[in-house]
N, C-alpha and C. Protein backbone atom coordinates (compact mmCIF):
# COMPACT_ATOMS: atom_id res chain seq x y z
N ALA A 1 -11.31 14.11 30.13
CA ALA A 1 -12.56 13.77 29.46
C ALA A 1 -12.76 14.63 28.22
N ARG A 2 -12.32 15.88 28.29
CA ARG A 2 -12.49 16.77 27.16
C ARG A 2 -11.67 16.32 25.94
N ALA A 3 -10.46 15.83 26.20
CA ALA A 3 -9.62 15.35 25.11
C ALA A 3 -10.28 14.16 24.41
N VAL A 4 -10.85 13.26 25.19
CA VAL A 4 -11.52 12.09 24.62
C VAL A 4 -12.76 12.52 23.83
N ASP A 5 -13.54 13.43 24.39
CA ASP A 5 -14.74 13.90 23.68
C ASP A 5 -14.37 14.54 22.34
N SER A 6 -13.33 15.34 22.33
CA SER A 6 -12.91 15.98 21.08
C SER A 6 -12.43 14.95 20.07
N ALA A 7 -11.66 13.98 20.53
CA ALA A 7 -11.15 12.95 19.62
C ALA A 7 -12.29 12.07 19.11
N ARG A 8 -13.26 11.76 19.96
CA ARG A 8 -14.42 10.98 19.50
C ARG A 8 -15.18 11.74 18.42
N THR A 9 -15.35 13.03 18.62
CA THR A 9 -16.04 13.85 17.62
C THR A 9 -15.28 13.80 16.29
N GLY A 10 -13.97 13.92 16.35
CA GLY A 10 -13.16 13.82 15.14
C GLY A 10 -13.27 12.45 14.49
N ALA A 11 -13.29 11.41 15.30
CA ALA A 11 -13.43 10.05 14.78
C ALA A 11 -14.78 9.86 14.10
N LEU A 12 -15.82 10.40 14.71
CA LEU A 12 -17.16 10.30 14.12
C LEU A 12 -17.23 11.00 12.77
N ARG A 13 -16.60 12.16 12.67
CA ARG A 13 -16.56 12.87 11.38
C ARG A 13 -15.86 12.02 10.32
N ARG A 14 -14.76 11.42 10.70
CA ARG A 14 -14.01 10.60 9.74
C ARG A 14 -14.81 9.38 9.30
N LEU A 15 -15.53 8.77 10.25
CA LEU A 15 -16.30 7.57 9.93
C LEU A 15 -17.54 7.86 9.09
N GLU A 16 -17.86 9.12 8.87
CA GLU A 16 -18.93 9.47 7.94
C GLU A 16 -18.52 9.15 6.51
N SER A 17 -17.23 9.09 6.27
CA SER A 17 -16.70 8.80 4.94
C SER A 17 -16.81 7.30 4.64
N GLN A 18 -17.34 6.98 3.49
CA GLN A 18 -17.45 5.57 3.09
C GLN A 18 -16.07 4.94 3.00
N GLU A 19 -15.08 5.69 2.55
CA GLU A 19 -13.71 5.17 2.44
C GLU A 19 -13.19 4.77 3.83
N CYS A 20 -13.43 5.60 4.80
CA CYS A 20 -12.97 5.31 6.16
C CYS A 20 -13.70 4.08 6.72
N ARG A 21 -14.98 3.97 6.48
CA ARG A 21 -15.75 2.83 7.01
C ARG A 21 -15.31 1.50 6.44
N LYS A 22 -14.53 1.52 5.36
CA LYS A 22 -14.02 0.26 4.80
C LYS A 22 -13.18 -0.52 5.79
N VAL A 23 -12.63 0.16 6.79
CA VAL A 23 -11.84 -0.57 7.78
C VAL A 23 -12.68 -1.64 8.47
N LEU A 24 -13.99 -1.45 8.50
CA LEU A 24 -14.86 -2.42 9.14
C LEU A 24 -15.03 -3.69 8.32
N THR A 25 -14.86 -3.58 7.02
CA THR A 25 -15.00 -4.77 6.17
C THR A 25 -13.64 -5.31 5.71
N ASP A 26 -12.61 -4.51 5.77
CA ASP A 26 -11.28 -4.94 5.33
C ASP A 26 -10.54 -5.77 6.36
N PHE A 27 -10.91 -5.63 7.63
CA PHE A 27 -10.18 -6.32 8.69
C PHE A 27 -11.08 -7.32 9.39
N THR A 28 -10.44 -8.37 9.92
CA THR A 28 -11.18 -9.45 10.57
C THR A 28 -10.65 -9.69 11.98
N ASP A 29 -11.47 -10.39 12.76
CA ASP A 29 -11.03 -10.81 14.08
C ASP A 29 -10.31 -12.16 13.96
N ALA A 30 -9.94 -12.74 15.07
CA ALA A 30 -9.19 -14.00 15.08
C ALA A 30 -10.00 -15.16 14.49
N ASP A 31 -11.32 -15.04 14.48
CA ASP A 31 -12.18 -16.09 13.94
C ASP A 31 -12.50 -15.88 12.46
N GLY A 32 -11.93 -14.83 11.86
CA GLY A 32 -12.17 -14.57 10.45
C GLY A 32 -13.41 -13.75 10.15
N ARG A 33 -14.10 -13.30 11.17
CA ARG A 33 -15.29 -12.45 10.98
C ARG A 33 -14.84 -11.02 10.74
N THR A 34 -15.53 -10.33 9.82
CA THR A 34 -15.18 -8.93 9.63
C THR A 34 -15.62 -8.12 10.84
N LEU A 35 -14.98 -7.00 11.02
CA LEU A 35 -15.36 -6.13 12.13
C LEU A 35 -16.78 -5.60 11.94
N GLN A 36 -17.19 -5.45 10.69
CA GLN A 36 -18.57 -5.04 10.40
C GLN A 36 -19.56 -6.08 10.92
N GLN A 37 -19.24 -7.35 10.72
CA GLN A 37 -20.12 -8.41 11.24
C GLN A 37 -20.22 -8.32 12.77
N ASN A 38 -19.10 -8.06 13.42
CA ASN A 38 -19.12 -7.93 14.88
C ASN A 38 -19.92 -6.70 15.30
N LEU A 39 -19.80 -5.62 14.56
CA LEU A 39 -20.56 -4.40 14.86
C LEU A 39 -22.06 -4.65 14.69
N GLU A 40 -22.44 -5.40 13.68
CA GLU A 40 -23.86 -5.68 13.43
C GLU A 40 -24.52 -6.41 14.60
N GLU A 41 -23.74 -7.18 15.35
CA GLU A 41 -24.30 -7.86 16.52
C GLU A 41 -24.78 -6.86 17.57
N TRP A 42 -24.23 -5.68 17.55
CA TRP A 42 -24.63 -4.63 18.49
C TRP A 42 -25.84 -3.85 17.96
N THR A 43 -26.25 -4.11 16.75
CA THR A 43 -27.32 -3.36 16.08
C THR A 43 -27.12 -1.86 16.26
N ALA A 44 -25.89 -1.43 16.03
CA ALA A 44 -25.54 -0.02 16.18
C ALA A 44 -24.74 0.44 14.97
N SER A 45 -24.89 1.69 14.64
CA SER A 45 -24.06 2.28 13.60
C SER A 45 -22.67 2.50 14.19
N PRO A 46 -21.67 2.76 13.36
CA PRO A 46 -20.34 3.05 13.92
C PRO A 46 -20.37 4.20 14.92
N SER A 47 -21.13 5.25 14.62
CA SER A 47 -21.17 6.39 15.54
C SER A 47 -21.86 6.02 16.85
N GLU A 48 -22.92 5.22 16.78
CA GLU A 48 -23.59 4.78 18.00
C GLU A 48 -22.66 3.88 18.83
N TYR A 49 -21.94 3.01 18.15
CA TYR A 49 -21.04 2.10 18.84
C TYR A 49 -19.94 2.87 19.58
N ILE A 50 -19.36 3.87 18.93
CA ILE A 50 -18.32 4.66 19.58
C ILE A 50 -18.88 5.29 20.86
N GLY A 51 -20.13 5.70 20.84
CA GLY A 51 -20.75 6.28 22.02
C GLY A 51 -20.99 5.26 23.13
N LEU A 52 -21.09 3.99 22.78
CA LEU A 52 -21.33 2.93 23.77
C LEU A 52 -20.06 2.48 24.48
N ILE A 53 -18.92 2.71 23.88
CA ILE A 53 -17.67 2.21 24.43
C ILE A 53 -17.14 3.17 25.49
N PRO A 54 -16.95 2.68 26.70
CA PRO A 54 -16.40 3.56 27.74
C PRO A 54 -14.90 3.79 27.53
N PHE A 55 -14.49 5.03 27.67
CA PHE A 55 -13.09 5.41 27.67
C PHE A 55 -12.78 5.73 29.13
N VAL A 56 -11.94 4.91 29.75
CA VAL A 56 -11.72 5.00 31.20
C VAL A 56 -10.27 5.33 31.53
N ASP A 57 -10.07 5.82 32.73
CA ASP A 57 -8.74 6.17 33.21
C ASP A 57 -7.82 4.96 33.17
N GLY A 58 -6.73 5.10 32.46
CA GLY A 58 -5.78 3.99 32.34
C GLY A 58 -4.53 4.15 33.17
N SER A 59 -4.54 5.07 34.11
CA SER A 59 -3.32 5.36 34.88
C SER A 59 -2.78 4.15 35.64
N ARG A 60 -3.63 3.19 35.93
CA ARG A 60 -3.17 1.99 36.64
C ARG A 60 -2.80 0.85 35.70
N GLU A 61 -2.99 1.05 34.41
CA GLU A 61 -2.66 0.01 33.43
C GLU A 61 -1.17 0.01 33.12
N LYS A 62 -0.59 -1.16 33.09
CA LYS A 62 0.85 -1.30 32.85
C LYS A 62 1.26 -0.64 31.53
N LEU A 63 0.51 -0.88 30.46
CA LEU A 63 0.87 -0.30 29.16
C LEU A 63 0.81 1.22 29.18
N CYS A 64 -0.07 1.79 29.97
CA CYS A 64 -0.19 3.25 30.04
C CYS A 64 1.01 3.89 30.73
N ARG A 65 1.75 3.12 31.44
CA ARG A 65 2.92 3.68 32.12
C ARG A 65 4.07 3.95 31.16
N ARG A 66 3.99 3.42 29.96
CA ARG A 66 4.98 3.73 28.93
C ARG A 66 4.70 5.13 28.41
N THR A 67 5.71 5.91 28.22
CA THR A 67 5.52 7.31 27.84
C THR A 67 4.93 7.48 26.44
N ASN A 68 5.12 6.53 25.56
CA ASN A 68 4.64 6.69 24.19
C ASN A 68 3.27 6.05 23.94
N VAL A 69 2.60 5.56 24.96
CA VAL A 69 1.29 4.92 24.80
C VAL A 69 0.21 5.91 25.21
N SER A 70 -0.77 6.09 24.33
CA SER A 70 -1.84 7.05 24.59
C SER A 70 -3.19 6.41 24.89
N LEU A 71 -3.51 5.34 24.19
CA LEU A 71 -4.77 4.61 24.39
C LEU A 71 -4.46 3.12 24.36
N VAL A 72 -5.24 2.35 25.10
CA VAL A 72 -5.03 0.90 25.15
C VAL A 72 -6.38 0.20 25.08
N ALA A 73 -6.48 -0.77 24.18
CA ALA A 73 -7.68 -1.62 24.10
C ALA A 73 -7.24 -3.03 23.75
N GLN A 74 -8.00 -4.01 24.21
CA GLN A 74 -7.73 -5.40 23.90
C GLN A 74 -8.77 -5.90 22.92
N PRO A 75 -8.37 -6.77 22.01
CA PRO A 75 -9.33 -7.30 21.03
C PRO A 75 -10.56 -7.91 21.70
N GLY A 76 -11.72 -7.42 21.29
CA GLY A 76 -12.99 -7.96 21.77
C GLY A 76 -13.45 -7.45 23.13
N VAL A 77 -12.64 -6.62 23.79
CA VAL A 77 -13.02 -6.08 25.10
C VAL A 77 -13.60 -4.69 24.88
N ARG A 78 -14.82 -4.47 25.31
CA ARG A 78 -15.54 -3.22 25.03
C ARG A 78 -15.17 -2.12 26.02
N ARG A 79 -13.88 -1.74 26.00
CA ARG A 79 -13.40 -0.68 26.89
C ARG A 79 -12.07 -0.17 26.33
N VAL A 80 -11.84 1.13 26.43
CA VAL A 80 -10.58 1.72 26.01
C VAL A 80 -9.99 2.46 27.20
N TYR A 81 -8.75 2.16 27.50
CA TYR A 81 -8.05 2.87 28.57
C TYR A 81 -7.37 4.10 27.99
N VAL A 82 -7.53 5.21 28.68
CA VAL A 82 -6.93 6.47 28.27
C VAL A 82 -5.71 6.72 29.15
N CYS A 83 -4.57 6.86 28.48
CA CYS A 83 -3.31 7.09 29.18
C CYS A 83 -3.01 8.59 29.25
N LYS A 84 -2.13 8.93 30.14
CA LYS A 84 -1.77 10.33 30.38
C LYS A 84 -1.34 11.04 29.10
N ALA A 85 -0.62 10.35 28.23
CA ALA A 85 -0.08 10.96 27.01
C ALA A 85 -1.16 11.39 26.02
N PHE A 86 -2.38 10.86 26.16
CA PHE A 86 -3.42 11.14 25.16
C PHE A 86 -3.82 12.61 25.11
N ALA A 87 -3.90 13.25 26.23
CA ALA A 87 -4.31 14.66 26.26
C ALA A 87 -3.35 15.51 25.43
N GLU A 88 -2.07 15.22 25.50
CA GLU A 88 -1.08 15.96 24.73
C GLU A 88 -1.23 15.70 23.23
N VAL A 89 -1.51 14.47 22.87
CA VAL A 89 -1.73 14.14 21.45
C VAL A 89 -2.93 14.91 20.93
N GLN A 90 -4.02 14.89 21.68
CA GLN A 90 -5.24 15.60 21.26
C GLN A 90 -4.98 17.09 21.12
N LEU A 91 -4.21 17.65 22.03
CA LEU A 91 -3.92 19.08 21.99
C LEU A 91 -3.06 19.45 20.79
N ARG A 92 -2.03 18.68 20.52
CA ARG A 92 -1.06 19.02 19.47
C ARG A 92 -1.40 18.45 18.10
N GLN A 93 -2.06 17.29 18.08
CA GLN A 93 -2.36 16.61 16.81
C GLN A 93 -3.76 16.00 16.85
N PRO A 94 -4.78 16.84 16.79
CA PRO A 94 -6.15 16.31 16.92
C PRO A 94 -6.52 15.28 15.86
N ALA A 95 -5.99 15.41 14.65
CA ALA A 95 -6.30 14.42 13.61
C ALA A 95 -5.72 13.06 13.97
N VAL A 96 -4.54 13.06 14.54
CA VAL A 96 -3.91 11.81 14.98
C VAL A 96 -4.73 11.20 16.13
N ALA A 97 -5.17 12.03 17.05
CA ALA A 97 -5.98 11.55 18.17
C ALA A 97 -7.27 10.90 17.68
N ALA A 98 -7.91 11.49 16.68
CA ALA A 98 -9.15 10.91 16.12
C ALA A 98 -8.85 9.56 15.47
N ALA A 99 -7.75 9.47 14.74
CA ALA A 99 -7.37 8.20 14.12
C ALA A 99 -7.06 7.15 15.19
N MET A 100 -6.46 7.59 16.29
CA MET A 100 -6.17 6.66 17.38
C MET A 100 -7.45 6.10 17.99
N VAL A 101 -8.46 6.94 18.13
CA VAL A 101 -9.75 6.48 18.66
C VAL A 101 -10.32 5.41 17.73
N ILE A 102 -10.29 5.66 16.43
CA ILE A 102 -10.80 4.67 15.47
C ILE A 102 -10.01 3.38 15.61
N HIS A 103 -8.70 3.49 15.69
CA HIS A 103 -7.85 2.30 15.81
C HIS A 103 -8.24 1.48 17.05
N GLU A 104 -8.42 2.13 18.16
CA GLU A 104 -8.77 1.41 19.38
C GLU A 104 -10.18 0.84 19.32
N ILE A 105 -11.08 1.55 18.68
CA ILE A 105 -12.44 1.03 18.49
C ILE A 105 -12.40 -0.26 17.66
N LEU A 106 -11.52 -0.30 16.68
CA LEU A 106 -11.37 -1.53 15.89
C LEU A 106 -10.92 -2.69 16.78
N HIS A 107 -10.05 -2.42 17.74
CA HIS A 107 -9.65 -3.47 18.68
C HIS A 107 -10.85 -3.95 19.49
N THR A 108 -11.71 -3.03 19.94
CA THR A 108 -12.87 -3.46 20.72
C THR A 108 -13.81 -4.34 19.90
N LEU A 109 -13.75 -4.19 18.59
CA LEU A 109 -14.57 -5.02 17.69
C LEU A 109 -13.89 -6.34 17.35
N GLY A 110 -12.72 -6.57 17.92
CA GLY A 110 -12.07 -7.87 17.74
C GLY A 110 -10.76 -7.85 16.97
N LEU A 111 -10.36 -6.71 16.47
CA LEU A 111 -9.12 -6.66 15.70
C LEU A 111 -7.92 -6.92 16.59
N GLY A 112 -7.12 -7.91 16.18
CA GLY A 112 -5.82 -8.11 16.82
C GLY A 112 -4.87 -7.12 16.15
N GLU A 113 -3.64 -7.41 16.11
CA GLU A 113 -2.74 -6.50 15.42
C GLU A 113 -2.80 -6.78 13.92
N ALA A 114 -3.61 -5.99 13.24
CA ALA A 114 -3.74 -5.95 11.78
C ALA A 114 -4.02 -7.28 11.11
N ARG A 115 -5.23 -7.76 11.25
CA ARG A 115 -5.69 -8.94 10.53
C ARG A 115 -6.46 -8.50 9.29
N LEU A 116 -5.74 -8.21 8.24
CA LEU A 116 -6.35 -7.78 6.99
C LEU A 116 -6.89 -8.99 6.25
N ARG A 117 -8.07 -8.85 5.68
CA ARG A 117 -8.61 -9.94 4.87
C ARG A 117 -7.63 -10.25 3.75
N PRO A 118 -7.44 -11.53 3.42
CA PRO A 118 -6.46 -11.90 2.41
C PRO A 118 -6.73 -11.33 1.01
N ASP A 119 -7.99 -11.02 0.73
CA ASP A 119 -8.33 -10.50 -0.60
C ASP A 119 -8.25 -8.97 -0.66
N ARG A 120 -7.70 -8.33 0.36
CA ARG A 120 -7.60 -6.86 0.40
C ARG A 120 -6.14 -6.44 0.30
N PRO A 121 -5.89 -5.26 -0.30
CA PRO A 121 -4.51 -4.79 -0.36
C PRO A 121 -4.00 -4.43 1.04
N ALA A 122 -2.72 -4.65 1.26
CA ALA A 122 -2.13 -4.40 2.58
C ALA A 122 -2.20 -2.93 2.94
N ARG A 123 -2.62 -2.65 4.17
CA ARG A 123 -2.59 -1.30 4.71
C ARG A 123 -2.79 -1.38 6.21
N ARG A 124 -2.51 -0.31 6.87
CA ARG A 124 -2.65 -0.26 8.32
C ARG A 124 -4.10 0.03 8.69
N PRO A 125 -4.56 -0.49 9.85
CA PRO A 125 -5.91 -0.15 10.30
C PRO A 125 -6.05 1.36 10.46
N ALA A 126 -7.16 1.89 10.02
CA ALA A 126 -7.50 3.31 10.11
C ALA A 126 -6.68 4.16 9.15
N ALA A 127 -5.93 3.56 8.23
CA ALA A 127 -5.12 4.33 7.28
C ALA A 127 -5.94 5.29 6.43
N PRO A 128 -7.11 4.90 5.88
CA PRO A 128 -7.86 5.85 5.07
C PRO A 128 -8.61 6.87 5.91
N CYS A 129 -8.56 6.73 7.19
CA CYS A 129 -9.29 7.61 8.09
C CYS A 129 -8.43 8.76 8.51
């Protein structure tokens, strides 16, 4: 729980940056809605939304059994599974752990694997974060 709390705090700091928050308008869900539009349905700021999303034990999740997987989320599902490897990432690379939290939060808002709006330059989700 401590690793997740620390990574969430790092993610919140990053999302204070207007450049970082662009990920919410640059990426869309499968229906073409921006992630910002999906967030607005919750009437929550990005920081409030991160606090609403449960980060739960993923030890029983198939994807978490892979050694290189740290967090798992499905598009549009308001839950993030925490895998065993995440604690080590947070300990050794806290900036990476914070970026991973942002990446998974984008999945909870509907992001599939990198649906960039066609009018935006190509980049990875959470890249400016």
